[in-house]
């Protein structure tokens, strides 16, 4: 089964700007929805765009300055898209 890779910047700037909360929310969301086998969460020390943070990458696309709700929506959408391709 193909996994959706969600990479979060855990560098101090992004972590303080919201990725700490985003990580916790993603872990809860994946557990509650039973999606842990479909998503791989990866932490990075830096995604190279500190001034635009918090930063994360889903698949090949890097996102900047998103709040937790937006991230959860993006992950849900990406999973639906993956399901449509399967």
PDB file of N, CA and C in Angstrom:
ATOM      1  N   UNK A   1       0.840  -1.184   0.000  1.00  0.00           N
ATOM      2  CA  UNK A   1       0.000   0.000   0.000  1.00  0.00           C
ATOM      3  C   UNK A   1       0.887   1.251   0.000  1.00  0.00           C
ATOM      4  N   UNK A   2       0.570   2.152  -0.894  1.00  0.00           N
ATOM      5  CA  UNK A   2       1.300   3.411  -0.967  1.00  0.00           C
ATOM      6  C   UNK A   2       0.978   4.274   0.258  1.00  0.00           C
ATOM      7  N   UNK A   3       2.017   4.883   0.828  1.00  0.00           N
ATOM      8  CA  UNK A   3       1.828   5.765   1.979  1.00  0.00           C
ATOM      9  C   UNK A   3       1.975   7.217   1.555  1.00  0.00           C
ATOM     10  N   UNK A   4       1.170   8.061   2.159  1.00  0.00           N
ATOM     11  CA  UNK A   4       1.318   9.498   1.994  1.00  0.00           C
ATOM     12  C   UNK A   4       2.407   9.951   2.955  1.00  0.00           C
ATOM     13  N   UNK A   5       3.411  10.634   2.437  1.00  0.00           N
ATOM     14  CA  UNK A   5       4.511  11.107   3.272  1.00  0.00           C
ATOM     15  C   UNK A   5       4.261  12.573   3.611  1.00  0.00           C
ATOM     16  N   UNK A   6       4.178  12.853   4.902  1.00  0.00           N
ATOM     17  CA  UNK A   6       3.983  14.215   5.404  1.00  0.00           C
ATOM     18  C   UNK A   6       5.230  14.562   6.205  1.00  0.00           C
ATOM     19  N   UNK A   7       5.972  15.556   5.713  1.00  0.00           N
ATOM     20  CA  UNK A   7       7.228  15.951   6.334  1.00  0.00           C
ATOM     21  C   UNK A   7       7.047  17.304   7.026  1.00  0.00           C
ATOM     22  N   UNK A   8       7.270  17.330   8.317  1.00  0.00           N
ATOM     23  CA  UNK A   8       7.151  18.556   9.088  1.00  0.00           C
ATOM     24  C   UNK A   8       8.519  19.084   9.471  1.00  0.00           C
ATOM     25  N   UNK A   9       8.686  20.393   9.325  1.00  0.00           N
ATOM     26  CA  UNK A   9       9.899  21.026   9.817  1.00  0.00           C
ATOM     27  C   UNK A   9       9.775  21.133  11.332  1.00  0.00           C
ATOM     28  N   UNK A  10      10.763  20.608  12.037  1.00  0.00           N
ATOM     29  CA  UNK A  10      10.752  20.651  13.487  1.00  0.00           C
ATOM     30  C   UNK A  10      11.863  21.547  14.017  1.00  0.00           C
ATOM     31  N   UNK A  11      12.426  22.375  13.125  1.00  0.00           N
ATOM     32  CA  UNK A  11      13.411  23.358  13.543  1.00  0.00           C
ATOM     33  C   UNK A  11      12.771  24.338  14.511  1.00  0.00           C
ATOM     34  N   UNK A  12      13.566  25.037  15.274  1.00  0.00           N
ATOM     35  CA  UNK A  12      13.037  25.882  16.354  1.00  0.00           C
ATOM     36  C   UNK A  12      12.042  26.925  15.860  1.00  0.00           C
ATOM     37  N   UNK A  13      12.277  27.553  14.715  1.00  0.00           N
ATOM     38  CA  UNK A  13      11.372  28.579  14.210  1.00  0.00           C
ATOM     39  C   UNK A  13      10.016  27.982  13.847  1.00  0.00           C
ATOM     40  N   UNK A  14      10.005  26.930  13.051  1.00  0.00           N
ATOM     41  CA  UNK A  14       8.740  26.312  12.637  1.00  0.00           C
ATOM     42  C   UNK A  14       8.027  25.652  13.809  1.00  0.00           C
ATOM     43  N   UNK A  15       8.798  25.042  14.697  1.00  0.00           N
ATOM     44  CA  UNK A  15       8.212  24.396  15.869  1.00  0.00           C
ATOM     45  C   UNK A  15       7.472  25.433  16.717  1.00  0.00           C
ATOM     46  N   UNK A  16       8.110  26.588  16.936  1.00  0.00           N
ATOM     47  CA  UNK A  16       7.497  27.640  17.747  1.00  0.00           C
ATOM     48  C   UNK A  16       6.336  28.317  17.026  1.00  0.00           C
ATOM     49  N   UNK A  17       6.362  28.347  15.716  1.00  0.00           N
ATOM     50  CA  UNK A  17       5.314  29.008  14.941  1.00  0.00           C
ATOM     51  C   UNK A  17       4.082  28.142  14.708  1.00  0.00           C
ATOM     52  N   UNK A  18       4.101  26.914  15.171  1.00  0.00           N
ATOM     53  CA  UNK A  18       2.884  26.121  15.059  1.00  0.00           C
ATOM     54  C   UNK A  18       3.045  24.655  14.744  1.00  0.00           C
ATOM     55  N   UNK A  19       4.222  24.227  14.303  1.00  0.00           N
ATOM     56  CA  UNK A  19       4.349  22.817  13.959  1.00  0.00           C
ATOM     57  C   UNK A  19       4.318  21.897  15.170  1.00  0.00           C
ATOM     58  N   UNK A  20       4.543  22.417  16.358  1.00  0.00           N
ATOM     59  CA  UNK A  20       4.379  21.594  17.560  1.00  0.00           C
ATOM     60  C   UNK A  20       2.914  21.179  17.688  1.00  0.00           C
ATOM     61  N   UNK A  21       2.006  22.143  17.528  1.00  0.00           N
ATOM     62  CA  UNK A  21       0.575  21.866  17.602  1.00  0.00           C
ATOM     63  C   UNK A  21       0.113  21.032  16.402  1.00  0.00           C
ATOM     64  N   UNK A  22       0.690  21.326  15.237  1.00  0.00           N
ATOM     65  CA  UNK A  22       0.312  20.575  14.035  1.00  0.00           C
ATOM     66  C   UNK A  22       0.685  19.110  14.171  1.00  0.00           C
ATOM     67  N   UNK A  23       1.866  18.830  14.687  1.00  0.00           N
ATOM     68  CA  UNK A  23       2.287  17.450  14.888  1.00  0.00           C
ATOM     69  C   UNK A  23       1.322  16.726  15.826  1.00  0.00           C
ATOM     70  N   UNK A  24       0.998  17.343  16.947  1.00  0.00           N
ATOM     71  CA  UNK A  24       0.080  16.723  17.907  1.00  0.00           C
ATOM     72  C   UNK A  24      -1.290  16.485  17.268  1.00  0.00           C
ATOM     73  N   UNK A  25      -1.785  17.461  16.525  1.00  0.00           N
ATOM     74  CA  UNK A  25      -3.093  17.330  15.882  1.00  0.00           C
ATOM     75  C   UNK A  25      -3.077  16.235  14.818  1.00  0.00           C
ATOM     76  N   UNK A  26      -1.995  16.159  14.043  1.00  0.00           N
ATOM     77  CA  UNK A  26      -1.883  15.113  13.024  1.00  0.00           C
ATOM     78  C   UNK A  26      -1.860  13.728  13.657  1.00  0.00           C
ATOM     79  N   UNK A  27      -1.089  13.567  14.717  1.00  0.00           N
ATOM     80  CA  UNK A  27      -1.024  12.269  15.396  1.00  0.00           C
ATOM     81  C   UNK A  27      -2.390  11.861  15.921  1.00  0.00           C
ATOM     82  N   UNK A  28      -3.113  12.794  16.515  1.00  0.00           N
ATOM     83  CA  UNK A  28      -4.457  12.511  17.024  1.00  0.00           C
ATOM     84  C   UNK A  28      -5.408  12.170  15.888  1.00  0.00           C
ATOM     85  N   UNK A  29      -5.396  12.982  14.831  1.00  0.00           N
ATOM     86  CA  UNK A  29      -6.253  12.762  13.669  1.00  0.00           C
ATOM     87  C   UNK A  29      -6.019  11.383  13.065  1.00  0.00           C
ATOM     88  N   UNK A  30      -4.768  11.024  12.843  1.00  0.00           N
ATOM     89  CA  UNK A  30      -4.456   9.735  12.235  1.00  0.00           C
ATOM     90  C   UNK A  30      -4.911   8.573  13.107  1.00  0.00           C
ATOM     91  N   UNK A  31      -4.735   8.718  14.411  1.00  0.00           N
ATOM     92  CA  UNK A  31      -5.161   7.660  15.332  1.00  0.00           C
ATOM     93  C   UNK A  31      -6.682   7.535  15.358  1.00  0.00           C
ATOM     94  N   UNK A  32      -7.378   8.667  15.497  1.00  0.00           N
ATOM     95  CA  UNK A  32      -8.838   8.650  15.587  1.00  0.00           C
ATOM     96  C   UNK A  32      -9.489   8.148  14.303  1.00  0.00           C
ATOM     97  N   UNK A  33      -8.887   8.455  13.166  1.00  0.00           N
ATOM     98  CA  UNK A  33      -9.453   8.058  11.868  1.00  0.00           C
ATOM     99  C   UNK A  33      -8.935   6.705  11.383  1.00  0.00           C
ATOM    100  N   UNK A  34      -8.024   6.086  12.149  1.00  0.00           N
ATOM    101  CA  UNK A  34      -7.470   4.798  11.763  1.00  0.00           C
ATOM    102  C   UNK A  34      -6.612   4.868  10.502  1.00  0.00           C
ATOM    103  N   UNK A  35      -5.898   5.971  10.335  1.00  0.00           N
ATOM    104  CA  UNK A  35      -5.122   6.206   9.125  1.00  0.00           C
ATOM    105  C   UNK A  35      -3.620   6.037   9.316  1.00  0.00           C
ATOM    106  N   UNK A  36      -3.213   5.562  10.460  1.00  0.00           N
ATOM    107  CA  UNK A  36      -1.792   5.453  10.759  1.00  0.00           C
ATOM    108  C   UNK A  36      -1.012   4.614   9.765  1.00  0.00           C
ATOM    109  N   UNK A  37      -1.651   3.621   9.148  1.00  0.00           N
ATOM    110  CA  UNK A  37      -0.973   2.765   8.173  1.00  0.00           C
ATOM    111  C   UNK A  37      -0.869   3.428   6.805  1.00  0.00           C
ATOM    112  N   UNK A  38      -1.618   4.511   6.581  1.00  0.00           N
ATOM    113  CA  UNK A  38      -1.626   5.166   5.266  1.00  0.00           C
ATOM    114  C   UNK A  38      -0.755   6.412   5.199  1.00  0.00           C
ATOM    115  N   UNK A  39      -0.292   6.891   6.365  1.00  0.00           N
ATOM    116  CA  UNK A  39       0.477   8.135   6.407  1.00  0.00           C
ATOM    117  C   UNK A  39       1.778   7.908   7.168  1.00  0.00           C
ATOM    118  N   UNK A  40       2.857   8.403   6.599  1.00  0.00           N
ATOM    119  CA  UNK A  40       4.154   8.380   7.270  1.00  0.00           C
ATOM    120  C   UNK A  40       4.514   9.809   7.643  1.00  0.00           C
ATOM    121  N   UNK A  41       4.630  10.080   8.935  1.00  0.00           N
ATOM    122  CA  UNK A  41       5.057  11.393   9.419  1.00  0.00           C
ATOM    123  C   UNK A  41       6.568  11.393   9.551  1.00  0.00           C
ATOM    124  N   UNK A  42       7.197  12.410   8.978  1.00  0.00           N
ATOM    125  CA  UNK A  42       8.653  12.527   8.999  1.00  0.00           C
ATOM    126  C   UNK A  42       9.004  13.910   9.531  1.00  0.00           C
ATOM    127  N   UNK A  43       9.923  13.977  10.463  1.00  0.00           N
ATOM    128  CA  UNK A  43      10.389  15.261  10.988  1.00  0.00           C
ATOM    129  C   UNK A  43      11.728  15.645  10.376  1.00  0.00           C
ATOM    130  N   UNK A  44      11.906  16.929  10.133  1.00  0.00           N
ATOM    131  CA  UNK A  44      13.163  17.464   9.614  1.00  0.00           C
ATOM    132  C   UNK A  44      13.626  18.594  10.519  1.00  0.00           C
ATOM    133  N   UNK A  45      14.913  18.813  10.582  1.00  0.00           N
ATOM    134  CA  UNK A  45      15.433  19.947  11.348  1.00  0.00           C
ATOM    135  C   UNK A  45      15.222  21.250  10.603  1.00  0.00           C
ATOM    136  N   UNK A  46      15.173  21.203   9.265  1.00  0.00           N
ATOM    137  CA  UNK A  46      14.929  22.427   8.507  1.00  0.00           C
ATOM    138  C   UNK A  46      14.519  22.064   7.088  1.00  0.00           C
ATOM    139  N   UNK A  47      13.510  22.754   6.574  1.00  0.00           N
ATOM    140  CA  UNK A  47      13.106  22.586   5.179  1.00  0.00           C
ATOM    141  C   UNK A  47      13.572  23.760   4.332  1.00  0.00           C
ATOM    142  N   UNK A  48      14.381  24.645   4.918  1.00  0.00           N
ATOM    143  CA  UNK A  48      15.042  25.678   4.160  1.00  0.00           C
ATOM    144  C   UNK A  48      14.252  26.945   3.869  1.00  0.00           C
ATOM    145  N   UNK A  49      13.178  27.177   4.596  1.00  0.00           N
ATOM    146  CA  UNK A  49      12.388  28.398   4.359  1.00  0.00           C
ATOM    147  C   UNK A  49      11.902  28.955   5.696  1.00  0.00           C
ATOM    148  N   UNK A  50      12.821  29.137   6.623  1.00  0.00           N
ATOM    149  CA  UNK A  50      12.482  29.508   8.003  1.00  0.00           C
ATOM    150  C   UNK A  50      11.594  30.741   8.090  1.00  0.00           C
ATOM    151  N   UNK A  51      11.854  31.745   7.270  1.00  0.00           N
ATOM    152  CA  UNK A  51      11.082  32.987   7.366  1.00  0.00           C
ATOM    153  C   UNK A  51       9.643  32.826   6.902  1.00  0.00           C
ATOM    154  N   UNK A  52       9.327  31.729   6.218  1.00  0.00           N
ATOM    155  CA  UNK A  52       7.973  31.502   5.714  1.00  0.00           C
ATOM    156  C   UNK A  52       7.186  30.516   6.571  1.00  0.00           C
ATOM    157  N   UNK A  53       7.767  30.019   7.635  1.00  0.00           N
ATOM    158  CA  UNK A  53       7.205  28.929   8.430  1.00  0.00           C
ATOM    159  C   UNK A  53       5.928  29.260   9.160  1.00  0.00           C
ATOM    160  N   UNK A  54       5.304  28.230   9.696  1.00  0.00           N
ATOM    161  CA  UNK A  54       5.782  26.854   9.754  1.00  0.00           C
ATOM    162  C   UNK A  54       5.682  26.170   8.389  1.00  0.00           C
ATOM    163  N   UNK A  55       6.644  25.306   8.133  1.00  0.00           N
ATOM    164  CA  UNK A  55       6.760  24.650   6.835  1.00  0.00           C
ATOM    165  C   UNK A  55       6.513  23.152   6.954  1.00  0.00           C
ATOM    166  N   UNK A  56       5.907  22.615   5.899  1.00  0.00           N
ATOM    167  CA  UNK A  56       5.750  21.185   5.796  1.00  0.00           C
ATOM    168  C   UNK A  56       5.654  20.802   4.338  1.00  0.00           C
ATOM    169  N   UNK A  57       5.910  19.537   4.077  1.00  0.00           N
ATOM    170  CA  UNK A  57       5.853  19.014   2.719  1.00  0.00           C
ATOM    171  C   UNK A  57       4.927  17.811   2.718  1.00  0.00           C
ATOM    172  N   UNK A  58       4.043  17.795   1.734  1.00  0.00           N
ATOM    173  CA  UNK A  58       3.165  16.647   1.517  1.00  0.00           C
ATOM    174  C   UNK A  58       3.455  16.169   0.102  1.00  0.00           C
ATOM    175  N   UNK A  59       3.978  14.968   0.013  1.00  0.00           N
ATOM    176  CA  UNK A  59       4.394  14.482  -1.300  1.00  0.00           C
ATOM    177  C   UNK A  59       5.529  15.344  -1.818  1.00  0.00           C
ATOM    178  N   UNK A  60       5.340  15.930  -2.984  1.00  0.00           N
ATOM    179  CA  UNK A  60       6.370  16.761  -3.604  1.00  0.00           C
ATOM    180  C   UNK A  60       6.146  18.257  -3.388  1.00  0.00           C
ATOM    181  N   UNK A  61       5.083  18.627  -2.693  1.00  0.00           N
ATOM    182  CA  UNK A  61       4.727  20.041  -2.536  1.00  0.00           C
ATOM    183  C   UNK A  61       5.066  20.533  -1.136  1.00  0.00           C
ATOM    184  N   UNK A  62       5.763  21.665  -1.063  1.00  0.00           N
ATOM    185  CA  UNK A  62       6.099  22.286   0.213  1.00  0.00           C
ATOM    186  C   UNK A  62       5.117  23.429   0.471  1.00  0.00           C
ATOM    187  N   UNK A  63       4.607  23.483   1.689  1.00  0.00           N
ATOM    188  CA  UNK A  63       3.642  24.502   2.102  1.00  0.00           C
ATOM    189  C   UNK A  63       4.261  25.360   3.201  1.00  0.00           C
ATOM    190  N   UNK A  64       3.839  26.613   3.252  1.00  0.00           N
ATOM    191  CA  UNK A  64       4.380  27.564   4.217  1.00  0.00           C
ATOM    192  C   UNK A  64       3.240  28.280   4.946  1.00  0.00           C
ATOM    193  N   UNK A  65       3.433  28.537   6.231  1.00  0.00           N
ATOM    194  CA  UNK A  65       2.538  29.391   6.994  1.00  0.00           C
ATOM    195  C   UNK A  65       1.133  28.871   7.192  1.00  0.00           C
ATOM    196  N   UNK A  66       0.944  27.562   7.177  1.00  0.00           N
ATOM    197  CA  UNK A  66      -0.395  27.001   7.338  1.00  0.00           C
ATOM    198  C   UNK A  66      -0.714  26.755   8.805  1.00  0.00           C
ATOM    199  N   UNK A  67      -1.989  26.946   9.148  1.00  0.00           N
ATOM    200  CA  UNK A  67      -2.407  26.583  10.497  1.00  0.00           C
ATOM    201  C   UNK A  67      -2.794  25.097  10.507  1.00  0.00           C
ATOM    202  N   UNK A  68      -3.048  24.590  11.697  1.00  0.00           N
ATOM    203  CA  UNK A  68      -3.309  23.160  11.861  1.00  0.00           C
ATOM    204  C   UNK A  68      -4.523  22.709  11.068  1.00  0.00           C
ATOM    205  N   UNK A  69      -5.601  23.481  11.067  1.00  0.00           N
ATOM    206  CA  UNK A  69      -6.809  23.089  10.341  1.00  0.00           C
ATOM    207  C   UNK A  69      -6.531  22.932   8.852  1.00  0.00           C
ATOM    208  N   UNK A  70      -5.745  23.831   8.283  1.00  0.00           N
ATOM    209  CA  UNK A  70      -5.386  23.737   6.865  1.00  0.00           C
ATOM    210  C   UNK A  70      -4.573  22.479   6.586  1.00  0.00           C
ATOM    211  N   UNK A  71      -3.663  22.165   7.476  1.00  0.00           N
ATOM    212  CA  UNK A  71      -2.834  20.971   7.296  1.00  0.00           C
ATOM    213  C   UNK A  71      -3.707  19.719   7.313  1.00  0.00           C
ATOM    214  N   UNK A  72      -4.628  19.638   8.255  1.00  0.00           N
ATOM    215  CA  UNK A  72      -5.509  18.470   8.328  1.00  0.00           C
ATOM    216  C   UNK A  72      -6.351  18.350   7.066  1.00  0.00           C
ATOM    217  N   UNK A  73      -6.830  19.467   6.537  1.00  0.00           N
ATOM    218  CA  UNK A  73      -7.597  19.460   5.286  1.00  0.00           C
ATOM    219  C   UNK A  73      -6.732  18.971   4.128  1.00  0.00           C
ATOM    220  N   UNK A  74      -5.494  19.455   4.051  1.00  0.00           N
ATOM    221  CA  UNK A  74      -4.591  19.034   2.979  1.00  0.00           C
ATOM    222  C   UNK A  74      -4.293  17.538   3.048  1.00  0.00           C
ATOM    223  N   UNK A  75      -4.062  17.035   4.240  1.00  0.00           N
ATOM    224  CA  UNK A  75      -3.785  15.604   4.405  1.00  0.00           C
ATOM    225  C   UNK A  75      -5.014  14.786   3.996  1.00  0.00           C
ATOM    226  N   UNK A  76      -6.188  15.210   4.429  1.00  0.00           N
ATOM    227  CA  UNK A  76      -7.419  14.508   4.053  1.00  0.00           C
ATOM    228  C   UNK A  76      -7.603  14.491   2.545  1.00  0.00           C
ATOM    229  N   UNK A  77      -7.391  15.632   1.919  1.00  0.00           N
ATOM    230  CA  UNK A  77      -7.530  15.725   0.458  1.00  0.00           C
ATOM    231  C   UNK A  77      -6.521  14.839  -0.264  1.00  0.00           C
ATOM    232  N   UNK A  78      -5.281  14.849   0.210  1.00  0.00           N
ATOM    233  CA  UNK A  78      -4.240  14.031  -0.415  1.00  0.00           C
ATOM    234  C   UNK A  78      -4.557  12.546  -0.277  1.00  0.00           C
ATOM    235  N   UNK A  79      -5.099  12.145   0.870  1.00  0.00           N
ATOM    236  CA  UNK A  79      -5.470  10.745   1.058  1.00  0.00           C
ATOM    237  C   UNK A  79      -6.616  10.354   0.131  1.00  0.00           C
ATOM    238  N   UNK A  80      -7.591  11.234  -0.045  1.00  0.00           N
ATOM    239  CA  UNK A  80      -8.702  10.953  -0.965  1.00  0.00           C
ATOM    240  C   UNK A  80      -8.189  10.820  -2.384  1.00  0.00           C
ATOM    241  N   UNK A  81      -7.254  11.699  -2.769  1.00  0.00           N
ATOM    242  CA  UNK A  81      -6.678  11.641  -4.111  1.00  0.00           C
ATOM    243  C   UNK A  81      -5.926  10.326  -4.309  1.00  0.00           C
ATOM    244  N   UNK A  82      -5.189   9.911  -3.299  1.00  0.00           N
ATOM    245  CA  UNK A  82      -4.466   8.646  -3.389  1.00  0.00           C
ATOM    246  C   UNK A  82      -5.441   7.477  -3.539  1.00  0.00           C
ATOM    247  N   UNK A  83      -6.545   7.544  -2.804  1.00  0.00           N
ATOM    248  CA  UNK A  83      -7.552   6.498  -2.887  1.00  0.00           C
ATOM    249  C   UNK A  83      -8.188   6.419  -4.259  1.00  0.00           C
ATOM    250  N   UNK A  84      -8.348   7.572  -4.894  1.00  0.00           N
ATOM    251  CA  UNK A  84      -8.946   7.610  -6.222  1.00  0.00           C
ATOM    252  C   UNK A  84      -8.012   7.007  -7.266  1.00  0.00           C
ATOM    253  N   UNK A  85      -6.699   7.101  -7.013  1.00  0.00           N
ATOM    254  CA  UNK A  85      -5.719   6.551  -7.949  1.00  0.00           C
ATOM    255  C   UNK A  85      -5.537   5.060  -7.779  1.00  0.00           C
ATOM    256  N   UNK A  86      -5.913   4.544  -6.607  1.00  0.00           N
ATOM    257  CA  UNK A  86      -5.673   3.123  -6.313  1.00  0.00           C
ATOM    258  C   UNK A  86      -6.600   2.221  -7.095  1.00  0.00           C
TER     259      UNK A  86
END
